[in-house]
C-alpha cells in the first residue's frame, strides 16, 4: 500500500450529523498496520516482504483484528493510531480458515475500541461505513451490495462473505461498520462480483460473525479449532470455458510434489465431479484433515489422468510467529 496521501471527496465521507453513533470513536478504533516479513518466508514471493493495511482495536488491552495475509510470517509489526503514535505489536493468531489475524499491541495505544455487531442480520442495500486509519478522509459511506459464498484460488472458502460498493483498492484490514457503529466485517480484497446478474467491482469483507464465534479459540489456539484442513498448494481458477484450470502451484507444495502441472483441467475429486472452485475446495475438505490423500482426476493434453495428492497442513510451511 502506498503512503496515505489520498483522501475521499467530502461528499463520500461519513458525517456526524448523519449517523446515530459516535463517529470519532469509531474512526479512532482503526489503526494503520505495517508488517515486515523475512525474505525467506513462504509467503514472501506472493505477498511481499513489506505489507501495509489496517487493524481494528477490539478492547482496551490493545487486542487488534486484521486480515491475516498482512501479518502472515511477519517478524516486525507496527501499529499507528490517529494521533500519530506508533507502537510495536505481536501476532496472537493467523488463521487460514477464517482469514483473520489477531495482534496484541506491546505498548498502550491511544485508540478507542469498537463494539462488535452481527453481520448475519444485515441485508443487501443496508448503509455501511468502511473505515481506515486517518479520520474521515479515509472513511467511506457505502452500501452492502451482496452477501454470498466466496472462494479464493489460494484455497480459501467462506460460506458467506460481505460485498460493498463503491469499491476502493486499499481496504485490507479496514473496518466495516453498520448503522449502529458496530464492527460487522474486516476488509479483505477488491474483487469482481455479480449483482443482479451484472458483473460489478466491489470490496469483499470477512464477516464479524466468524470472529464472534471463534475469538476464544483464536486467542488460545492461534487458529481455527479442530483438525487442520488439507492443503494442496494448488491454485485452481474458473475459466471462461467453464473449466477448472490449475493456474499455478506452490513450488514445494503437495500438488507440485505429486506431479500436478499448471494447465491441468480438474474434473473430479475422488470420482465426485466438481464444476466450481467452491465445489472443488469442499470436495477436497471432505477427504479428511491434513495428511489425507486427495485423488484428483484431470485432463492433460487431451487425456484423462488421476493423481493422488497427499495433502499437508499449510501452517507447517510458514515461519511461526514470534510471541512477546
Protein backbone atom coordinates (compact mmCIF):
# COMPACT_ATOMS: atom_id res chain seq x y z
CA UNK A 1 0.00 0.00 0.00
CA UNK A 2 1.28 3.47 -0.83
CA UNK A 3 1.62 6.27 1.64
CA UNK A 4 -1.70 7.59 2.93
CA UNK A 5 -1.65 10.81 0.88
CA UNK A 6 -5.08 10.27 -0.66
CA UNK A 7 -8.47 11.38 0.62
CA UNK A 8 -12.09 10.73 -0.28
CA UNK A 9 -14.13 13.65 -1.58
CA UNK A 10 -16.15 15.32 1.17
CA UNK A 11 -19.47 14.10 -0.21
CA UNK A 12 -18.42 10.44 0.13
CA UNK A 13 -17.31 10.66 3.74
CA UNK A 14 -19.49 9.92 6.79
CA UNK A 15 -20.57 12.94 8.82
CA UNK A 16 -21.55 13.03 12.48
CA UNK A 17 -24.86 14.75 11.75
CA UNK A 18 -25.98 11.86 9.51
CA UNK A 19 -25.16 8.96 11.87
CA UNK A 20 -26.53 7.84 15.25
CA UNK A 21 -23.22 6.76 16.79
CA UNK A 22 -20.02 8.40 17.99
CA UNK A 23 -18.22 8.79 14.68
CA UNK A 24 -14.92 9.93 16.21
CA UNK A 25 -14.93 6.91 18.50
CA UNK A 26 -15.29 4.57 15.54
CA UNK A 27 -12.66 6.40 13.49
CA UNK A 28 -10.20 6.23 16.37
CA UNK A 29 -10.66 2.46 16.71
CA UNK A 30 -8.85 1.82 13.42
CA UNK A 31 -5.06 1.80 13.32
CA UNK A 32 -2.59 1.67 10.46
CA UNK A 33 -0.57 -1.54 10.26
CA UNK A 34 2.89 -2.07 8.81
CA UNK A 35 4.47 -5.53 8.75
CA UNK A 36 7.94 -6.72 7.79
CA UNK A 37 8.43 -10.30 6.64
CA UNK A 38 11.73 -12.20 6.20
CA UNK A 39 12.84 -12.70 2.60
CA UNK A 40 12.94 -16.47 3.09
CA UNK A 41 9.32 -16.59 4.26
CA UNK A 42 7.00 -18.94 2.36
CA UNK A 43 4.55 -16.11 1.63
CA UNK A 44 7.21 -13.54 0.66
CA UNK A 45 7.06 -14.28 -3.07
CA UNK A 46 3.32 -13.82 -3.38
CA UNK A 47 2.63 -11.19 -0.72
CA UNK A 48 5.93 -9.33 -0.45
CA UNK A 49 8.20 -8.63 2.48
CA UNK A 50 6.63 -5.29 3.42
CA UNK A 51 2.87 -5.12 3.87
CA UNK A 52 0.59 -2.33 4.96
CA UNK A 53 -3.08 -2.05 5.76
CA UNK A 54 -5.27 -1.56 8.80
CA UNK A 55 -6.29 -3.15 12.07
CA UNK A 56 -9.32 -2.66 14.31
CA UNK A 57 -8.98 -2.31 18.09
CA UNK A 58 -11.25 -4.71 19.99
CA UNK A 59 -10.51 -3.93 23.63
CA UNK A 60 -8.67 -1.61 26.00
CA UNK A 61 -5.73 -4.04 26.26
CA UNK A 62 -4.58 -3.48 22.68
CA UNK A 63 -6.19 -6.51 21.04
CA UNK A 64 -6.40 -5.84 17.29
CA UNK A 65 -8.02 -7.82 14.48
CA UNK A 66 -6.85 -7.53 10.87
CA UNK A 67 -6.90 -9.56 7.70
CA UNK A 68 -4.46 -12.41 8.07
CA UNK A 69 -2.40 -12.06 4.90
CA UNK A 70 -0.99 -8.77 6.18
CA UNK A 71 0.72 -10.43 9.14
CA UNK A 72 1.47 -13.95 7.86
CA UNK A 73 5.08 -14.78 8.89
CA UNK A 74 5.69 -11.17 9.98
CA UNK A 75 8.74 -10.63 12.18
CA UNK A 76 8.07 -6.94 12.88
CA UNK A 77 4.62 -5.34 13.18
CA UNK A 78 3.95 -1.68 13.88
CA UNK A 79 0.58 -0.08 14.62
CA UNK A 80 -0.07 3.66 14.26
CA UNK A 81 -3.09 5.40 15.77
CA UNK A 82 -4.88 8.55 14.58
CA UNK A 83 -2.75 10.71 16.88
CA UNK A 84 0.38 9.57 15.06
CA UNK A 85 1.79 7.35 17.82
CA UNK A 86 3.36 4.10 16.61
CA UNK A 87 3.76 1.03 18.82
CA UNK A 88 5.06 -2.49 18.17
CA UNK A 89 2.71 -5.47 18.17
CA UNK A 90 2.99 -9.23 18.00
CA UNK A 91 0.85 -11.92 16.41
CA UNK A 92 -1.55 -13.96 18.52
CA UNK A 93 -3.26 -15.80 15.67
CA UNK A 94 -3.04 -16.21 11.91
CA UNK A 95 -5.88 -18.39 10.69
CA UNK A 96 -6.38 -19.70 7.16
CA UNK A 97 -9.95 -20.87 7.65
CA UNK A 98 -11.48 -17.57 8.76
CA UNK A 99 -8.83 -15.35 7.19
CA UNK A 100 -8.31 -13.31 10.37
CA UNK A 101 -5.13 -12.21 12.05
CA UNK A 102 -5.08 -11.25 15.74
CA UNK A 103 -2.46 -8.96 17.25
CA UNK A 104 -1.61 -7.54 20.63
CA UNK A 105 -0.01 -4.11 20.95
CA UNK A 106 3.06 -4.27 23.21
CA UNK A 107 2.58 -0.69 24.41
CA UNK A 108 -0.68 1.19 25.09
CA UNK A 109 -2.47 2.58 22.06
CA UNK A 110 -4.15 5.97 22.17
CA UNK A 111 -7.13 4.46 20.43
CA UNK A 112 -10.68 3.55 21.32
CA UNK A 113 -12.18 0.08 20.93
CA UNK A 114 -15.18 -0.73 18.78
CA UNK A 115 -18.17 -2.91 19.74
CA UNK A 116 -18.87 -5.95 17.57
CA UNK A 117 -22.21 -6.41 15.85
CA UNK A 118 -23.70 -9.32 13.91
CA UNK A 119 -23.27 -9.49 10.17
CA UNK A 120 -25.91 -12.21 9.84
CA UNK A 121 -28.69 -9.66 10.43
CA UNK A 122 -27.58 -7.36 7.64
CA UNK A 123 -29.39 -7.17 4.32
CA UNK A 124 -28.45 -6.18 0.80
CA UNK A 125 -28.87 -2.43 0.39
CA UNK A 126 -28.03 -1.60 4.02
CA UNK A 127 -25.96 1.51 4.59
CA UNK A 128 -22.48 0.72 5.90
CA UNK A 129 -19.26 2.60 6.55
CA UNK A 130 -15.76 1.49 5.64
CA UNK A 131 -13.10 2.96 7.90
CA UNK A 132 -9.34 3.11 7.51
CA UNK A 133 -6.86 4.93 9.71
CA UNK A 134 -6.73 8.68 9.21
CA UNK A 135 -10.11 10.07 10.20
CA UNK A 136 -12.97 10.92 7.86
CA UNK A 137 -10.57 11.49 4.95
CA UNK A 138 -10.07 7.72 4.91
CA UNK A 139 -13.65 6.70 5.68
CA UNK A 140 -16.35 5.96 3.14
CA UNK A 141 -20.13 5.76 3.28
CA UNK A 142 -21.09 2.69 1.25
CA UNK A 143 -23.74 0.06 0.65
CA UNK A 144 -23.84 -3.65 1.23
CA UNK A 145 -24.44 -4.91 -2.29
CA UNK A 146 -24.28 -8.67 -1.74
CA UNK A 147 -23.93 -11.46 0.81
CA UNK A 148 -22.81 -14.73 -0.73
CA UNK A 149 -20.26 -17.51 -0.84
CA UNK A 150 -16.67 -16.63 -1.67
CA UNK A 151 -13.95 -18.98 -2.93
CA UNK A 152 -10.32 -17.91 -3.37
CA UNK A 153 -7.84 -19.74 -5.60
CA UNK A 154 -5.35 -19.83 -2.71
CA UNK A 155 -7.62 -22.50 -1.12
CA UNK A 156 -9.83 -20.15 0.89
CA UNK A 157 -13.57 -20.62 1.26
CA UNK A 158 -16.26 -18.63 3.06
CA UNK A 159 -19.86 -19.81 3.20
CA UNK A 160 -20.92 -16.18 3.24
CA UNK A 161 -18.89 -13.03 2.62
CA UNK A 162 -19.94 -9.38 2.55
CA UNK A 163 -19.53 -7.23 -0.55
CA UNK A 164 -19.70 -3.43 -0.62
CA UNK A 165 -19.72 -0.60 -3.15
CA UNK A 166 -18.30 1.85 -4.14
CA UNK A 167 -15.07 -0.08 -4.48
CA UNK A 168 -11.69 1.04 -3.21
CA UNK A 169 -8.33 -0.73 -3.68
CA UNK A 170 -6.87 -0.18 -0.22
CA UNK A 171 -9.19 -1.72 2.37
CA UNK A 172 -7.02 -4.60 3.65
CA UNK A 173 -7.81 -4.91 7.37
CA UNK A 174 -10.25 -1.96 7.34
CA UNK A 175 -13.38 -1.89 9.50
CA UNK A 176 -16.81 -2.44 8.02
CA UNK A 177 -19.27 -0.69 10.34
CA UNK A 178 -23.06 -0.87 10.45
CA UNK A 179 -25.56 1.95 11.05
CA UNK A 180 -25.24 1.48 14.80
CA UNK A 181 -21.46 1.98 14.79
CA UNK A 182 -20.65 -1.70 15.34
CA UNK A 183 -17.98 -3.74 13.61
CA UNK A 184 -19.53 -6.19 11.12
CA UNK A 185 -16.60 -7.12 8.86
CA UNK A 186 -12.88 -6.89 8.16
CA UNK A 187 -11.62 -5.77 4.75
CA UNK A 188 -10.01 -8.37 2.54
CA UNK A 189 -9.98 -7.84 -1.22
CA UNK A 190 -11.00 -5.74 -4.20
CA UNK A 191 -12.98 -8.20 -6.35
CA UNK A 192 -15.28 -8.61 -9.31
CA UNK A 193 -18.67 -9.80 -8.10
CA UNK A 194 -22.07 -10.39 -9.63
CA UNK A 195 -25.01 -8.24 -8.52
CA UNK A 196 -28.38 -8.87 -10.13
CA UNK A 197 -26.72 -10.77 -12.94
CA UNK A 198 -24.28 -7.96 -13.68
CA UNK A 199 -20.55 -8.04 -13.08
CA UNK A 200 -19.53 -5.28 -10.69
CA UNK A 201 -16.42 -4.26 -8.83
CA UNK A 202 -16.66 -4.23 -5.05
CA UNK A 203 -14.83 -4.95 -1.83
CA UNK A 204 -15.07 -8.28 -0.04
CA UNK A 205 -15.20 -8.30 3.77
CA UNK A 206 -14.88 -11.27 6.12
CA UNK A 207 -17.99 -11.26 8.34
CA UNK A 208 -17.52 -10.50 12.03
CA UNK A 209 -19.79 -13.42 12.94
CA UNK A 210 -16.80 -15.71 12.37
CA UNK A 211 -14.79 -13.64 14.84
CA UNK A 212 -17.62 -13.69 17.38
CA UNK A 213 -17.84 -17.47 17.07
CA UNK A 214 -14.14 -18.32 17.17
CA UNK A 215 -12.43 -15.48 19.03
CA UNK A 216 -11.72 -17.56 22.15
CA UNK A 217 -10.24 -20.37 20.03
CA UNK A 218 -8.10 -17.94 18.05
CA UNK A 219 -6.85 -16.42 21.30
CA UNK A 220 -5.95 -19.76 22.90
CA UNK A 221 -5.01 -21.94 19.90
CA UNK A 222 -3.82 -19.31 17.45
CA UNK A 223 -6.05 -20.85 14.76
CA UNK A 224 -9.44 -22.30 13.90
CA UNK A 225 -10.36 -25.18 16.23
CA UNK A 226 -10.35 -28.78 15.06
CA UNK A 227 -8.08 -30.75 12.72
CA UNK A 228 -6.20 -28.65 10.13
CA UNK A 229 -7.78 -28.53 6.68
CA UNK A 230 -6.00 -30.38 3.88
CA UNK A 231 -3.83 -28.08 1.80
CA UNK A 232 -2.64 -28.90 -1.72
CA UNK A 233 -0.63 -25.84 -2.76
CA UNK A 234 -2.66 -25.85 -5.95
CA UNK A 235 -4.12 -22.66 -7.45
CA UNK A 236 -7.34 -23.52 -9.26
CA UNK A 237 -9.39 -20.96 -11.17
CA UNK A 238 -12.68 -20.97 -13.07
CA UNK A 239 -12.05 -20.27 -16.76
CA UNK A 240 -14.25 -18.60 -19.36
CA UNK A 241 -14.84 -22.04 -20.88
CA UNK A 242 -16.37 -23.25 -17.59
CA UNK A 243 -13.34 -25.42 -16.85
CA UNK A 244 -11.47 -25.56 -13.57
CA UNK A 245 -7.87 -24.93 -14.54
CA UNK A 246 -4.70 -25.24 -12.47
CA UNK A 247 -3.26 -21.75 -12.89
CA UNK A 248 -0.20 -22.28 -10.70
CA UNK A 249 1.38 -24.29 -7.91
CA UNK A 250 3.36 -23.71 -4.74
CA UNK A 251 6.76 -24.98 -5.82
CA UNK A 252 7.29 -27.10 -2.70
CA UNK A 253 3.62 -27.88 -2.05
CA UNK A 254 1.94 -31.31 -2.12
CA UNK A 255 0.36 -30.94 -5.57
CA UNK A 256 3.64 -29.98 -7.24
CA UNK A 257 5.43 -32.84 -5.47
CA UNK A 258 2.76 -35.27 -6.72
CA UNK A 259 3.15 -34.16 -10.33
CA UNK A 260 0.23 -31.80 -10.90
CA UNK A 261 1.08 -29.22 -13.58
CA UNK A 262 -0.14 -25.75 -14.45
CA UNK A 263 -2.72 -26.04 -17.23
CA UNK A 264 -4.23 -29.29 -15.99
CA UNK A 265 -8.05 -29.23 -16.10
CA UNK A 266 -9.72 -30.56 -12.96
CA UNK A 267 -12.68 -32.85 -13.47
CA UNK A 268 -13.34 -34.63 -10.16
CA UNK A 269 -12.15 -35.32 -6.64
CA UNK A 270 -12.41 -38.97 -5.59
CA UNK A 271 -14.78 -39.55 -8.55
CA UNK A 272 -17.03 -36.66 -7.40
CA UNK A 273 -17.42 -34.20 -10.32
CA UNK A 274 -16.52 -30.61 -9.48
CA UNK A 275 -17.57 -27.66 -11.65
CA UNK A 276 -16.82 -24.64 -9.46
CA UNK A 277 -13.91 -23.52 -7.32
CA UNK A 278 -16.10 -23.67 -4.21
CA UNK A 279 -17.17 -27.20 -5.11
CA UNK A 280 -13.55 -28.21 -5.63
CA UNK A 281 -12.50 -26.84 -2.24
CA UNK A 282 -15.39 -28.51 -0.44
CA UNK A 283 -14.66 -31.83 -2.11
CA UNK A 284 -11.02 -31.61 -1.02
CA UNK A 285 -12.02 -30.92 2.58
CA UNK A 286 -14.44 -33.84 2.54
CA UNK A 287 -11.45 -36.17 2.06
CA UNK A 288 -10.35 -35.54 5.66
CA UNK A 289 -7.89 -33.41 7.57
CA UNK A 290 -4.34 -32.53 6.56
CA UNK A 291 -2.35 -35.60 5.63
CA UNK A 292 -5.25 -37.25 3.81
CA UNK A 293 -4.85 -38.45 0.24
CA UNK A 294 -6.83 -36.48 -2.35
CA UNK A 295 -7.42 -38.33 -5.66
CA UNK A 296 -7.73 -35.72 -8.42
CA UNK A 297 -8.92 -36.63 -11.92
CA UNK A 298 -7.75 -34.17 -14.57
CA UNK A 299 -7.42 -33.67 -18.30
CA UNK A 300 -3.86 -33.11 -19.54
CA UNK A 301 -3.12 -32.77 -23.26
CA UNK A 302 -6.49 -34.31 -24.04
CA UNK A 303 -6.00 -37.37 -21.86
CA UNK A 304 -7.62 -38.12 -18.50
CA UNK A 305 -5.22 -38.80 -15.65
CA UNK A 306 -5.65 -39.30 -11.91
CA UNK A 307 -3.06 -38.10 -9.40
CA UNK A 308 -3.16 -38.89 -5.70
CA UNK A 309 -2.01 -35.84 -3.76
CA UNK A 310 -1.03 -36.32 -0.13
CA UNK A 311 -2.28 -33.12 1.48
CA UNK A 312 -0.45 -31.14 4.13
CA UNK A 313 -1.05 -28.61 6.89
CA UNK A 314 -0.31 -25.21 5.34
CA UNK A 315 0.96 -23.90 8.68
CA UNK A 316 3.90 -26.33 8.54
CA UNK A 317 5.31 -24.31 5.62
CA UNK A 318 5.21 -20.96 7.43
CA UNK A 319 7.62 -19.23 9.76
CA UNK A 320 6.00 -19.38 13.17
CA UNK A 321 5.07 -16.03 14.76
CA UNK A 322 7.42 -14.63 17.38
CA UNK A 323 5.34 -14.15 20.51
CA UNK A 324 6.06 -11.48 23.09
